[in-house]
Amino acid sequence: MGAAAPSRIERLNAGVATLRKRLSRKNTELDALKKFQATALSRLTAQHDEITRLWREMESAPHDKVRTLRSQ
């Protein structure tokens, strides 16, 4: 090993530390995105269930109690 070996090792160690920090940030971002996705899917499921319930309710209601809204 020459005189440049210790400085090269230091540079490589610094590069490894930088990459570890980047990996940690990316993992944190990924966790946040996974939580967002789970929340969004949960909300969509709840909205779908509510729409389905309302359609069933409308279909089973007596027709004289259901009013059609005019579209503009």
Protein backbone atom coordinates (compact mmCIF):
# COMPACT_ATOMS: atom_id res chain seq x y z
CA MET A 1 0.00 0.00 0.00
CA GLY A 2 1.25 3.39 -0.95
CA ALA A 3 0.89 6.73 0.75
CA ALA A 4 -2.34 7.36 -1.18
CA ALA A 5 -4.04 4.30 0.30
CA PRO A 6 -5.21 5.92 3.58
CA SER A 7 -6.72 8.94 1.78
CA ARG A 8 -8.40 6.63 -0.73
CA ILE A 9 -9.86 4.57 2.11
CA GLU A 10 -11.12 7.75 3.76
CA ARG A 11 -12.77 8.85 0.49
CA LEU A 12 -14.37 5.43 0.05
CA ASN A 13 -15.61 5.44 3.64
CA ALA A 14 -17.07 8.92 3.12
CA GLY A 15 -18.78 7.67 -0.05
CA VAL A 16 -20.23 4.71 1.82
CA ALA A 17 -21.52 7.02 4.56
CA THR A 18 -23.16 9.26 1.94
CA LEU A 19 -24.81 6.27 0.28
CA ARG A 20 -26.08 4.99 3.63
CA LYS A 21 -27.67 8.39 4.33
CA ARG A 22 -29.32 8.41 0.90
CA LEU A 23 -30.62 4.89 1.44
CA SER A 24 -32.04 5.86 4.81
CA ARG A 25 -33.84 8.89 3.30
CA LYS A 26 -35.23 6.77 0.47
CA ASN A 27 -36.48 4.16 2.93
CA THR A 28 -38.20 6.89 4.94
CA GLU A 29 -39.82 8.26 1.76
CA LEU A 30 -40.93 4.77 0.75
CA ASP A 31 -42.53 4.18 4.16
CA ALA A 32 -44.43 7.47 3.87
CA LEU A 33 -45.65 6.57 0.38
CA LYS A 34 -46.80 3.14 1.55
CA LYS A 35 -48.78 4.75 4.38
CA PHE A 36 -50.32 7.22 1.93
CA GLN A 37 -51.27 4.38 -0.43
CA ALA A 38 -52.88 2.38 2.39
CA THR A 39 -54.87 5.43 3.51
CA ALA A 40 -55.99 6.22 -0.04
CA LEU A 41 -57.09 2.63 -0.68
CA SER A 42 -58.96 2.57 2.62
CA ARG A 43 -60.80 5.79 1.76
CA LEU A 44 -61.65 4.55 -1.74
CA THR A 45 -63.02 1.32 -0.29
CA ALA A 46 -65.15 3.23 2.20
CA GLN A 47 -66.48 5.51 -0.56
CA HIS A 48 -67.28 2.52 -2.78
CA ASP A 49 -69.10 0.80 0.07
CA GLU A 50 -71.13 3.95 0.78
CA ILE A 51 -72.05 4.39 -2.89
CA THR A 52 -73.07 0.74 -3.12
CA ARG A 53 -75.19 1.09 0.03
CA LEU A 54 -76.89 4.20 -1.33
CA TRP A 55 -77.64 2.49 -4.66
CA ARG A 56 -79.18 -0.50 -2.86
CA GLU A 57 -81.19 1.84 -0.66
CA MET A 58 -82.43 3.76 -3.69
CA GLU A 59 -83.33 0.58 -5.59
CA SER A 60 -85.30 -0.83 -2.66
CA ALA A 61 -87.14 2.42 -1.90
CA PRO A 62 -90.68 2.87 -3.17
CA HIS A 63 -90.53 4.69 -6.51
CA ASP A 64 -92.92 7.41 -5.40
CA LYS A 65 -90.39 8.47 -2.74
CA VAL A 66 -87.43 8.74 -5.13
CA ARG A 67 -87.09 11.92 -7.12
CA THR A 68 -84.97 12.23 -10.25
CA LEU A 69 -82.85 15.34 -10.41
CA ARG A 70 -82.65 17.16 -13.71
CA SER A 71 -79.21 17.61 -15.14
CA GLN A 72 -78.24 20.98 -16.52
